[in-house]
Amino acid sequence: MHNGVTMSIVPFKEKAVGSRKSRQVETRMLAEYLKETYSKYTVISKVPLGKVPEELMAEVGYKRALGMSRPFRPEIDAVVALPGALILIEAKVWRIVDGLAKLPMYQSLVPFTPELRQYRHLQTIMELVVAWTNDNLEIMAKNAGVRVRVFCPPWIDEVVKAQHEYWTPEYRAKREEKLKLRKLYDLE
């Protein structure tokens, strides 16, 4: 039970751990990118996007309605307010295309987002921060009007390398050996 909501346990342990690790890597990458690139500007992290029901605002008040509606609104990783533009940022290490696909949808919600009211007059720029890219990602991003920024601090090289090696025969053989040892020693 968390904040009055019953939580369920994800049945696949590796999926739950992988998701948490993904968020940790992406959060760290984003924080470092923002510090290096936009430290002189207003940065807002984890911004909920879209409308807040007017009926809810009338019933419980503006601030409380924002909080209550937050779980039901999509959340962008970061927003940066420049003098002439509002930059919408998604940072991805895994599922990069998902981040790319979200940005135009998120951009469509900016005019309806109460938290961004003071920035509505600014041009919006969509930015996808990734540790690596490829030609197909660049083609899709250009077509969607998203600029791709490659940001790969030294610590992330090992993470990206592990991602690319995951499906190699060598990795699968090592994984199979680990599973056999776990079973042999009754560790699972």
N, C-alpha and C. Protein backbone atom coordinates (compact mmCIF):
# COMPACT_ATOMS: atom_id res chain seq x y z
N MET A 1 0.84 -1.17 0.00
CA MET A 1 0.00 0.00 0.00
C MET A 1 0.89 1.24 0.00
N HIS A 2 0.68 2.14 -0.96
CA HIS A 2 1.46 3.37 -1.05
C HIS A 2 0.50 4.51 -1.38
N ASN A 3 0.45 5.49 -0.51
CA ASN A 3 -0.47 6.64 -0.69
C ASN A 3 -1.90 6.18 -0.97
N GLY A 4 -2.33 5.17 -0.27
CA GLY A 4 -3.70 4.69 -0.43
C GLY A 4 -3.93 3.83 -1.65
N VAL A 5 -2.88 3.51 -2.40
CA VAL A 5 -3.01 2.70 -3.60
C VAL A 5 -2.33 1.36 -3.36
N THR A 6 -3.02 0.29 -3.69
CA THR A 6 -2.45 -1.04 -3.56
C THR A 6 -1.45 -1.24 -4.68
N MET A 7 -0.24 -1.62 -4.30
CA MET A 7 0.81 -1.83 -5.29
C MET A 7 0.89 -3.32 -5.60
N SER A 8 1.16 -3.66 -6.85
CA SER A 8 1.32 -5.06 -7.20
C SER A 8 2.80 -5.32 -7.49
N ILE A 9 3.21 -6.53 -7.30
CA ILE A 9 4.59 -6.91 -7.54
C ILE A 9 4.70 -7.40 -8.97
N VAL A 10 5.71 -6.90 -9.68
CA VAL A 10 5.93 -7.33 -11.06
C VAL A 10 6.40 -8.78 -11.03
N PRO A 11 5.72 -9.67 -11.76
CA PRO A 11 6.04 -11.09 -11.66
C PRO A 11 7.42 -11.48 -12.18
N PHE A 12 8.02 -10.70 -13.06
CA PHE A 12 9.31 -11.06 -13.61
C PHE A 12 10.38 -10.21 -12.95
N LYS A 13 11.16 -10.84 -12.10
CA LYS A 13 12.18 -10.13 -11.32
C LYS A 13 13.15 -9.35 -12.20
N GLU A 14 13.63 -9.96 -13.28
CA GLU A 14 14.60 -9.28 -14.13
C GLU A 14 14.00 -8.04 -14.77
N LYS A 15 12.75 -8.07 -15.16
CA LYS A 15 12.11 -6.92 -15.77
C LYS A 15 12.03 -5.76 -14.78
N ALA A 16 11.65 -6.06 -13.54
CA ALA A 16 11.54 -5.01 -12.53
C ALA A 16 12.90 -4.41 -12.24
N VAL A 17 13.92 -5.25 -12.09
CA VAL A 17 15.26 -4.75 -11.81
C VAL A 17 15.77 -3.96 -13.00
N GLY A 18 15.58 -4.48 -14.21
CA GLY A 18 16.04 -3.78 -15.40
C GLY A 18 15.39 -2.41 -15.54
N SER A 19 14.11 -2.31 -15.25
CA SER A 19 13.42 -1.03 -15.34
C SER A 19 13.99 -0.04 -14.34
N ARG A 20 14.25 -0.49 -13.13
CA ARG A 20 14.81 0.40 -12.11
C ARG A 20 16.20 0.85 -12.52
N LYS A 21 16.99 -0.09 -13.00
CA LYS A 21 18.34 0.26 -13.43
C LYS A 21 18.30 1.22 -14.60
N SER A 22 17.37 1.01 -15.51
CA SER A 22 17.23 1.90 -16.65
C SER A 22 16.94 3.32 -16.18
N ARG A 23 16.02 3.47 -15.25
CA ARG A 23 15.68 4.81 -14.73
C ARG A 23 16.89 5.44 -14.06
N GLN A 24 17.66 4.66 -13.31
CA GLN A 24 18.83 5.20 -12.63
C GLN A 24 19.86 5.70 -13.63
N VAL A 25 20.13 4.93 -14.66
CA VAL A 25 21.11 5.31 -15.67
C VAL A 25 20.63 6.54 -16.42
N GLU A 26 19.39 6.54 -16.85
CA GLU A 26 18.86 7.66 -17.61
C GLU A 26 18.76 8.92 -16.76
N THR A 27 18.39 8.78 -15.50
CA THR A 27 18.29 9.94 -14.61
C THR A 27 19.67 10.57 -14.41
N ARG A 28 20.67 9.74 -14.18
CA ARG A 28 22.03 10.26 -14.00
C ARG A 28 22.52 10.93 -15.28
N MET A 29 22.31 10.27 -16.42
CA MET A 29 22.73 10.83 -17.70
C MET A 29 22.07 12.18 -17.93
N LEU A 30 20.77 12.26 -17.68
CA LEU A 30 20.04 13.51 -17.88
C LEU A 30 20.56 14.61 -16.96
N ALA A 31 20.76 14.28 -15.69
CA ALA A 31 21.24 15.28 -14.73
C ALA A 31 22.59 15.85 -15.17
N GLU A 32 23.49 14.98 -15.60
CA GLU A 32 24.80 15.44 -16.05
C GLU A 32 24.68 16.27 -17.33
N TYR A 33 23.83 15.86 -18.24
CA TYR A 33 23.61 16.59 -19.49
C TYR A 33 23.06 17.99 -19.21
N LEU A 34 22.06 18.05 -18.35
CA LEU A 34 21.45 19.35 -18.03
C LEU A 34 22.46 20.28 -17.37
N LYS A 35 23.25 19.74 -16.46
CA LYS A 35 24.26 20.56 -15.78
C LYS A 35 25.29 21.09 -16.78
N GLU A 36 25.73 20.23 -17.68
CA GLU A 36 26.75 20.62 -18.65
C GLU A 36 26.22 21.55 -19.73
N THR A 37 24.97 21.35 -20.13
CA THR A 37 24.44 22.06 -21.29
C THR A 37 23.57 23.27 -20.94
N TYR A 38 22.78 23.16 -19.88
CA TYR A 38 21.79 24.21 -19.60
C TYR A 38 21.87 24.77 -18.17
N SER A 39 23.03 24.75 -17.57
CA SER A 39 23.13 25.18 -16.16
C SER A 39 22.77 26.65 -15.94
N LYS A 40 22.80 27.47 -16.98
CA LYS A 40 22.49 28.90 -16.83
C LYS A 40 21.00 29.21 -16.99
N TYR A 41 20.20 28.18 -17.26
CA TYR A 41 18.79 28.40 -17.57
C TYR A 41 17.89 27.71 -16.55
N THR A 42 16.62 28.07 -16.60
CA THR A 42 15.64 27.43 -15.73
C THR A 42 15.37 26.02 -16.24
N VAL A 43 15.56 25.04 -15.37
CA VAL A 43 15.33 23.63 -15.71
C VAL A 43 14.28 23.09 -14.74
N ILE A 44 13.27 22.45 -15.28
CA ILE A 44 12.24 21.81 -14.46
C ILE A 44 12.24 20.33 -14.83
N SER A 45 12.43 19.48 -13.83
CA SER A 45 12.48 18.04 -14.08
C SER A 45 11.14 17.39 -13.81
N LYS A 46 10.89 16.30 -14.53
CA LYS A 46 9.69 15.47 -14.34
C LYS A 46 8.41 16.31 -14.33
N VAL A 47 8.18 16.97 -15.44
CA VAL A 47 7.02 17.87 -15.57
C VAL A 47 5.81 17.08 -16.06
N PRO A 48 4.72 17.09 -15.28
CA PRO A 48 3.48 16.47 -15.78
C PRO A 48 2.90 17.35 -16.88
N LEU A 49 2.33 16.72 -17.88
CA LEU A 49 1.82 17.46 -19.03
C LEU A 49 0.32 17.23 -19.22
N GLY A 50 -0.33 18.22 -19.81
CA GLY A 50 -1.73 18.09 -20.17
C GLY A 50 -2.67 18.80 -19.20
N LYS A 51 -3.95 18.64 -19.50
CA LYS A 51 -5.00 19.31 -18.74
C LYS A 51 -5.19 18.72 -17.35
N VAL A 52 -5.66 19.58 -16.48
CA VAL A 52 -6.14 19.18 -15.17
C VAL A 52 -7.65 19.43 -15.21
N PRO A 53 -8.47 18.45 -14.90
CA PRO A 53 -9.92 18.64 -15.01
C PRO A 53 -10.41 19.86 -14.21
N GLU A 54 -11.15 20.73 -14.89
CA GLU A 54 -11.67 21.95 -14.25
C GLU A 54 -12.60 21.61 -13.09
N GLU A 55 -13.36 20.53 -13.22
CA GLU A 55 -14.26 20.13 -12.14
C GLU A 55 -13.47 19.82 -10.87
N LEU A 56 -12.32 19.17 -11.06
CA LEU A 56 -11.47 18.83 -9.92
C LEU A 56 -10.90 20.10 -9.29
N MET A 57 -10.46 21.03 -10.12
CA MET A 57 -9.94 22.30 -9.58
C MET A 57 -11.01 23.04 -8.80
N ALA A 58 -12.24 23.04 -9.32
CA ALA A 58 -13.33 23.72 -8.63
C ALA A 58 -13.65 23.04 -7.31
N GLU A 59 -13.54 21.73 -7.28
CA GLU A 59 -13.89 20.97 -6.09
C GLU A 59 -12.83 21.04 -4.98
N VAL A 60 -11.54 20.90 -5.37
CA VAL A 60 -10.49 20.80 -4.34
C VAL A 60 -9.48 21.94 -4.37
N GLY A 61 -9.57 22.83 -5.34
CA GLY A 61 -8.62 23.93 -5.45
C GLY A 61 -7.52 23.61 -6.44
N TYR A 62 -6.90 24.67 -6.92
CA TYR A 62 -5.90 24.57 -7.98
C TYR A 62 -4.72 23.68 -7.59
N LYS A 63 -4.04 24.00 -6.49
CA LYS A 63 -2.82 23.27 -6.12
C LYS A 63 -3.10 21.81 -5.82
N ARG A 64 -4.17 21.55 -5.10
CA ARG A 64 -4.49 20.15 -4.76
C ARG A 64 -4.88 19.37 -6.02
N ALA A 65 -5.58 20.01 -6.94
CA ALA A 65 -5.96 19.36 -8.19
C ALA A 65 -4.73 18.99 -9.01
N LEU A 66 -3.72 19.86 -9.00
CA LEU A 66 -2.48 19.54 -9.72
C LEU A 66 -1.86 18.26 -9.16
N GLY A 67 -1.80 18.18 -7.84
CA GLY A 67 -1.22 16.99 -7.21
C GLY A 67 -2.04 15.74 -7.44
N MET A 68 -3.35 15.87 -7.33
CA MET A 68 -4.22 14.70 -7.48
C MET A 68 -4.24 14.17 -8.92
N SER A 69 -4.08 15.06 -9.90
CA SER A 69 -4.14 14.63 -11.30
C SER A 69 -2.80 14.15 -11.83
N ARG A 70 -1.73 14.39 -11.10
CA ARG A 70 -0.39 14.06 -11.59
C ARG A 70 -0.23 12.60 -12.03
N PRO A 71 -0.73 11.62 -11.28
CA PRO A 71 -0.54 10.23 -11.73
C PRO A 71 -1.22 9.91 -13.06
N PHE A 72 -2.15 10.75 -13.49
CA PHE A 72 -2.92 10.47 -14.69
C PHE A 72 -2.47 11.30 -15.88
N ARG A 73 -1.37 12.03 -15.71
CA ARG A 73 -0.84 12.86 -16.79
C ARG A 73 0.55 12.36 -17.16
N PRO A 74 0.87 12.33 -18.46
CA PRO A 74 2.21 11.90 -18.84
C PRO A 74 3.25 12.88 -18.31
N GLU A 75 4.47 12.39 -18.13
CA GLU A 75 5.52 13.19 -17.52
C GLU A 75 6.75 13.22 -18.41
N ILE A 76 7.21 14.40 -18.73
CA ILE A 76 8.42 14.55 -19.54
C ILE A 76 9.62 14.63 -18.61
N ASP A 77 10.76 14.14 -19.06
CA ASP A 77 11.95 14.11 -18.22
C ASP A 77 12.37 15.50 -17.75
N ALA A 78 12.41 16.47 -18.67
CA ALA A 78 12.83 17.82 -18.28
C ALA A 78 12.33 18.84 -19.29
N VAL A 79 12.20 20.06 -18.79
CA VAL A 79 11.86 21.21 -19.61
C VAL A 79 12.89 22.29 -19.28
N VAL A 80 13.43 22.93 -20.32
CA VAL A 80 14.39 24.01 -20.13
C VAL A 80 13.81 25.27 -20.75
N ALA A 81 13.76 26.34 -19.96
CA ALA A 81 13.25 27.62 -20.45
C ALA A 81 14.42 28.51 -20.86
N LEU A 82 14.56 28.71 -22.17
CA LEU A 82 15.55 29.63 -22.70
C LEU A 82 14.84 30.97 -22.96
N PRO A 83 15.57 32.04 -23.21
CA PRO A 83 14.89 33.32 -23.47
C PRO A 83 13.88 33.26 -24.62
N GLY A 84 14.14 32.48 -25.66
CA GLY A 84 13.23 32.46 -26.79
C GLY A 84 12.62 31.10 -27.10
N ALA A 85 12.85 30.12 -26.25
CA ALA A 85 12.35 28.78 -26.56
C ALA A 85 12.18 27.95 -25.29
N LEU A 86 11.29 26.99 -25.40
CA LEU A 86 11.07 26.02 -24.34
C LEU A 86 11.51 24.67 -24.90
N ILE A 87 12.51 24.07 -24.27
CA ILE A 87 13.04 22.81 -24.78
C ILE A 87 12.43 21.66 -23.98
N LEU A 88 11.82 20.72 -24.68
CA LEU A 88 11.25 19.52 -24.08
C LEU A 88 12.27 18.40 -24.26
N ILE A 89 12.69 17.80 -23.14
CA ILE A 89 13.78 16.82 -23.20
C ILE A 89 13.35 15.46 -22.67
N GLU A 90 13.63 14.44 -23.47
CA GLU A 90 13.53 13.05 -23.05
C GLU A 90 14.93 12.47 -23.15
N ALA A 91 15.36 11.74 -22.12
CA ALA A 91 16.67 11.10 -22.13
C ALA A 91 16.47 9.59 -22.13
N LYS A 92 17.15 8.91 -23.04
CA LYS A 92 16.99 7.47 -23.17
C LYS A 92 18.32 6.78 -23.40
N VAL A 93 18.48 5.65 -22.74
CA VAL A 93 19.59 4.75 -23.01
C VAL A 93 19.02 3.50 -23.68
N TRP A 94 17.89 3.03 -23.17
CA TRP A 94 17.18 1.91 -23.76
C TRP A 94 15.85 2.43 -24.29
N ARG A 95 15.26 1.68 -25.19
CA ARG A 95 13.97 2.05 -25.78
C ARG A 95 14.00 3.49 -26.30
N ILE A 96 15.03 3.76 -27.06
CA ILE A 96 15.26 5.11 -27.57
C ILE A 96 14.12 5.56 -28.46
N VAL A 97 13.61 4.68 -29.29
CA VAL A 97 12.52 5.06 -30.20
C VAL A 97 11.27 5.45 -29.40
N ASP A 98 11.05 4.82 -28.25
CA ASP A 98 9.92 5.21 -27.40
C ASP A 98 10.05 6.68 -26.98
N GLY A 99 11.25 7.08 -26.60
CA GLY A 99 11.47 8.48 -26.23
C GLY A 99 11.22 9.41 -27.39
N LEU A 100 11.69 9.01 -28.56
CA LEU A 100 11.47 9.80 -29.77
C LEU A 100 9.98 9.93 -30.07
N ALA A 101 9.26 8.83 -29.97
CA ALA A 101 7.83 8.83 -30.29
C ALA A 101 7.02 9.67 -29.31
N LYS A 102 7.45 9.74 -28.06
CA LYS A 102 6.72 10.49 -27.05
C LYS A 102 6.81 12.00 -27.24
N LEU A 103 7.93 12.47 -27.73
CA LEU A 103 8.16 13.92 -27.76
C LEU A 103 7.10 14.71 -28.54
N PRO A 104 6.70 14.32 -29.76
CA PRO A 104 5.64 15.08 -30.43
C PRO A 104 4.30 15.06 -29.67
N MET A 105 4.02 13.93 -29.01
CA MET A 105 2.79 13.85 -28.21
C MET A 105 2.89 14.81 -27.02
N TYR A 106 4.03 14.82 -26.39
CA TYR A 106 4.25 15.72 -25.25
C TYR A 106 4.16 17.18 -25.70
N GLN A 107 4.72 17.48 -26.84
CA GLN A 107 4.67 18.86 -27.35
C GLN A 107 3.23 19.32 -27.55
N SER A 108 2.37 18.41 -27.98
CA SER A 108 0.96 18.78 -28.20
C SER A 108 0.24 19.13 -26.90
N LEU A 109 0.76 18.68 -25.75
CA LEU A 109 0.13 18.94 -24.46
C LEU A 109 0.61 20.22 -23.79
N VAL A 110 1.71 20.79 -24.26
CA VAL A 110 2.26 21.99 -23.62
C VAL A 110 1.24 23.12 -23.50
N PRO A 111 0.46 23.45 -24.55
CA PRO A 111 -0.49 24.56 -24.41
C PRO A 111 -1.58 24.33 -23.35
N PHE A 112 -1.77 23.09 -22.93
CA PHE A 112 -2.81 22.76 -21.96
C PHE A 112 -2.26 22.50 -20.56
N THR A 113 -0.97 22.66 -20.37
CA THR A 113 -0.31 22.32 -19.11
C THR A 113 -0.25 23.53 -18.18
N PRO A 114 -0.97 23.49 -17.06
CA PRO A 114 -0.98 24.64 -16.16
C PRO A 114 0.41 25.00 -15.62
N GLU A 115 1.24 24.00 -15.35
CA GLU A 115 2.57 24.25 -14.81
C GLU A 115 3.48 25.01 -15.79
N LEU A 116 3.12 25.00 -17.07
CA LEU A 116 3.94 25.67 -18.08
C LEU A 116 3.26 26.91 -18.65
N ARG A 117 2.24 27.38 -17.99
CA ARG A 117 1.46 28.53 -18.47
C ARG A 117 2.36 29.72 -18.84
N GLN A 118 3.33 30.03 -17.99
CA GLN A 118 4.17 31.21 -18.22
C GLN A 118 5.11 31.07 -19.42
N TYR A 119 5.22 29.84 -19.98
CA TYR A 119 6.11 29.60 -21.11
C TYR A 119 5.37 29.35 -22.42
N ARG A 120 4.06 29.46 -22.43
CA ARG A 120 3.27 29.11 -23.62
C ARG A 120 3.59 29.97 -24.83
N HIS A 121 4.07 31.16 -24.61
CA HIS A 121 4.38 32.06 -25.72
C HIS A 121 5.68 31.68 -26.43
N LEU A 122 6.46 30.82 -25.83
CA LEU A 122 7.75 30.43 -26.39
C LEU A 122 7.61 29.33 -27.44
N GLN A 123 8.50 29.36 -28.41
CA GLN A 123 8.59 28.26 -29.38
C GLN A 123 9.03 27.01 -28.63
N THR A 124 8.48 25.84 -28.97
CA THR A 124 8.93 24.60 -28.32
C THR A 124 9.89 23.85 -29.25
N ILE A 125 10.92 23.33 -28.62
CA ILE A 125 11.92 22.53 -29.32
C ILE A 125 11.96 21.18 -28.63
N MET A 126 11.90 20.13 -29.42
CA MET A 126 11.95 18.77 -28.87
C MET A 126 13.38 18.24 -28.98
N GLU A 127 13.86 17.68 -27.86
CA GLU A 127 15.24 17.21 -27.83
C GLU A 127 15.29 15.82 -27.20
N LEU A 128 15.92 14.91 -27.90
CA LEU A 128 16.12 13.54 -27.41
C LEU A 128 17.59 13.38 -27.07
N VAL A 129 17.88 13.09 -25.81
CA VAL A 129 19.26 12.91 -25.35
C VAL A 129 19.51 11.41 -25.26
N VAL A 130 20.52 10.95 -26.00
CA VAL A 130 20.83 9.52 -26.07
C VAL A 130 22.32 9.30 -25.88
N ALA A 131 22.69 8.11 -25.50
CA ALA A 131 24.09 7.77 -25.34
C ALA A 131 24.73 7.35 -26.66
N TRP A 132 23.91 6.98 -27.62
CA TRP A 132 24.38 6.57 -28.94
C TRP A 132 23.24 6.76 -29.92
N THR A 133 23.57 6.80 -31.19
CA THR A 133 22.54 6.97 -32.22
C THR A 133 22.89 6.10 -33.42
N ASN A 134 22.00 6.12 -34.40
CA ASN A 134 22.26 5.43 -35.66
C ASN A 134 21.51 6.16 -36.76
N ASP A 135 21.76 5.77 -37.99
CA ASP A 135 21.17 6.47 -39.13
C ASP A 135 19.64 6.47 -39.09
N ASN A 136 19.04 5.32 -38.74
CA ASN A 136 17.58 5.24 -38.73
C ASN A 136 16.96 6.16 -37.68
N LEU A 137 17.59 6.23 -36.50
CA LEU A 137 17.10 7.14 -35.47
C LEU A 137 17.18 8.58 -35.96
N GLU A 138 18.26 8.94 -36.61
CA GLU A 138 18.43 10.30 -37.12
C GLU A 138 17.37 10.63 -38.18
N ILE A 139 17.06 9.66 -39.04
CA ILE A 139 16.04 9.87 -40.07
C ILE A 139 14.68 10.10 -39.42
N MET A 140 14.32 9.23 -38.47
CA MET A 140 13.01 9.37 -37.80
C MET A 140 12.93 10.68 -37.03
N ALA A 141 14.01 11.04 -36.33
CA ALA A 141 14.02 12.27 -35.54
C ALA A 141 13.85 13.50 -36.44
N LYS A 142 14.57 13.52 -37.55
CA LYS A 142 14.45 14.65 -38.48
C LYS A 142 13.02 14.76 -39.00
N ASN A 143 12.42 13.64 -39.34
CA ASN A 143 11.05 13.62 -39.84
C ASN A 143 10.05 14.10 -38.79
N ALA A 144 10.34 13.82 -37.50
CA ALA A 144 9.44 14.20 -36.41
C ALA A 144 9.74 15.60 -35.86
N GLY A 145 10.78 16.24 -36.37
CA GLY A 145 11.13 17.56 -35.87
C GLY A 145 11.82 17.53 -34.51
N VAL A 146 12.52 16.44 -34.23
CA VAL A 146 13.20 16.26 -32.94
C VAL A 146 14.71 16.33 -33.18
N ARG A 147 15.38 17.11 -32.36
CA ARG A 147 16.83 17.12 -32.48
C ARG A 147 17.42 16.09 -31.52
N VAL A 148 18.39 15.36 -32.02
CA VAL A 148 19.04 14.30 -31.25
C VAL A 148 20.36 14.85 -30.73
N ARG A 149 20.58 14.65 -29.43
CA ARG A 149 21.82 15.06 -28.79
C ARG A 149 22.48 13.81 -28.19
N VAL A 150 23.67 13.49 -28.67
CA VAL A 150 24.39 12.35 -28.13
C VAL A 150 25.21 12.86 -26.94
N PHE A 151 24.96 12.25 -25.81
CA PHE A 151 25.69 12.59 -24.58
C PHE A 151 26.13 11.29 -23.95
N CYS A 152 27.42 11.05 -23.97
CA CYS A 152 27.94 9.76 -23.50
C CYS A 152 29.11 9.98 -22.55
N PRO A 153 28.79 10.25 -21.28
CA PRO A 153 29.87 10.40 -20.30
C PRO A 153 30.64 9.08 -20.18
N PRO A 154 31.88 9.12 -19.73
CA PRO A 154 32.71 7.91 -19.68
C PRO A 154 32.07 6.72 -18.96
N TRP A 155 31.36 6.96 -17.89
CA TRP A 155 30.78 5.86 -17.11
C TRP A 155 29.70 5.11 -17.88
N ILE A 156 29.10 5.76 -18.85
CA ILE A 156 27.99 5.11 -19.56
C ILE A 156 28.48 4.17 -20.65
N ASP A 157 29.74 4.29 -21.05
CA ASP A 157 30.28 3.38 -22.08
C ASP A 157 30.05 1.92 -21.71
N GLU A 158 30.31 1.57 -20.45
CA GLU A 158 30.14 0.18 -20.01
C GLU A 158 28.67 -0.24 -20.08
N VAL A 159 27.77 0.68 -19.76
CA VAL A 159 26.34 0.38 -19.81
C VAL A 159 25.90 0.13 -21.24
N VAL A 160 26.32 1.00 -22.14
CA VAL A 160 25.95 0.85 -23.55
C VAL A 160 26.59 -0.41 -24.14
N LYS A 161 27.85 -0.66 -23.78
CA LYS A 161 28.53 -1.87 -24.26
C LYS A 161 27.77 -3.12 -23.82
N ALA A 162 27.36 -3.15 -22.56
CA ALA A 162 26.60 -4.30 -22.05
C ALA A 162 25.28 -4.47 -22.80
N GLN A 163 24.63 -3.35 -23.12
CA GLN A 163 23.38 -3.42 -23.87
C GLN A 163 23.59 -4.04 -25.24
N HIS A 164 24.63 -3.63 -25.93
CA HIS A 164 24.89 -4.14 -27.27
C HIS A 164 25.38 -5.58 -27.27
N GLU A 165 26.01 -6.01 -26.18
CA GLU A 165 26.54 -7.37 -26.10
C GLU A 165 25.50 -8.38 -25.58
N TYR A 166 24.38 -7.91 -25.09
CA TYR A 166 23.41 -8.76 -24.43
C TYR A 166 23.02 -9.99 -25.26
N TRP A 167 22.85 -9.80 -26.55
CA TRP A 167 22.36 -10.90 -27.39
C TRP A 167 23.48 -11.66 -28.10
N THR A 168 24.72 -11.38 -27.80
CA THR A 168 25.81 -12.08 -28.46
C THR A 168 25.90 -13.52 -27.95
N PRO A 169 26.43 -14.42 -28.76
CA PRO A 169 26.58 -15.82 -28.31
C PRO A 169 27.44 -15.94 -27.04
N GLU A 170 28.47 -15.11 -26.94
CA GLU A 170 29.34 -15.16 -25.76
C GLU A 170 28.57 -14.81 -24.48
N TYR A 171 27.76 -13.77 -24.57
CA TYR A 171 26.98 -13.37 -23.39
C TYR A 171 25.98 -14.46 -23.02
N ARG A 172 25.30 -15.01 -24.02
CA ARG A 172 24.31 -16.06 -23.75
C ARG A 172 24.96 -17.28 -23.10
N ALA A 173 26.17 -17.62 -23.56
CA ALA A 173 26.89 -18.76 -22.97
C ALA A 173 27.24 -18.49 -21.51
N LYS A 174 27.72 -17.28 -21.21
CA LYS A 174 28.03 -16.92 -19.82
C LYS A 174 26.78 -16.94 -18.96
N ARG A 175 25.69 -16.43 -19.50
CA ARG A 175 24.42 -16.40 -18.76
C ARG A 175 23.94 -17.82 -18.48
N GLU A 176 24.04 -18.69 -19.45
CA GLU A 176 23.63 -20.09 -19.29
C GLU A 176 24.46 -20.77 -18.20
N GLU A 177 25.76 -20.49 -18.18
CA GLU A 177 26.65 -21.06 -17.15
C GLU A 177 26.25 -20.56 -15.76
N LYS A 178 25.94 -19.28 -15.64
CA LYS A 178 25.50 -18.72 -14.35
C LYS A 178 24.21 -19.40 -13.88
N LEU A 179 23.27 -19.59 -14.78
CA LEU A 179 22.01 -20.24 -14.43
C LEU A 179 22.22 -21.67 -13.96
N LYS A 180 23.14 -22.39 -14.62
CA LYS A 180 23.44 -23.76 -14.21
C LYS A 180 24.03 -23.78 -12.80
N LEU A 181 24.94 -22.86 -12.52
CA LEU A 181 25.55 -22.79 -11.19
C LEU A 181 24.52 -22.42 -10.11
N ARG A 182 23.63 -21.53 -10.43
CA ARG A 182 22.58 -21.17 -9.48
C ARG A 182 21.70 -22.38 -9.15
N LYS A 183 21.38 -23.14 -10.19
CA LYS A 183 20.55 -24.31 -9.98
C LYS A 183 21.31 -25.37 -9.20
N LEU A 184 22.58 -25.55 -9.54
CA LEU A 184 23.42 -26.53 -8.86
C LEU A 184 23.53 -26.23 -7.36
N TYR A 185 23.70 -24.97 -7.02
CA TYR A 185 23.85 -24.57 -5.62
C TYR A 185 22.53 -24.12 -4.98
N ASP A 186 21.43 -24.35 -5.68
CA ASP A 186 20.10 -24.04 -5.19
C ASP A 186 19.98 -22.57 -4.72
N LEU A 187 20.38 -21.66 -5.59
CA LEU A 187 20.36 -20.24 -5.26
C LEU A 187 19.10 -19.53 -5.77
N GLU A 188 18.25 -20.23 -6.45
CA GLU A 188 17.04 -19.58 -6.94
C GLU A 188 15.81 -20.19 -6.36
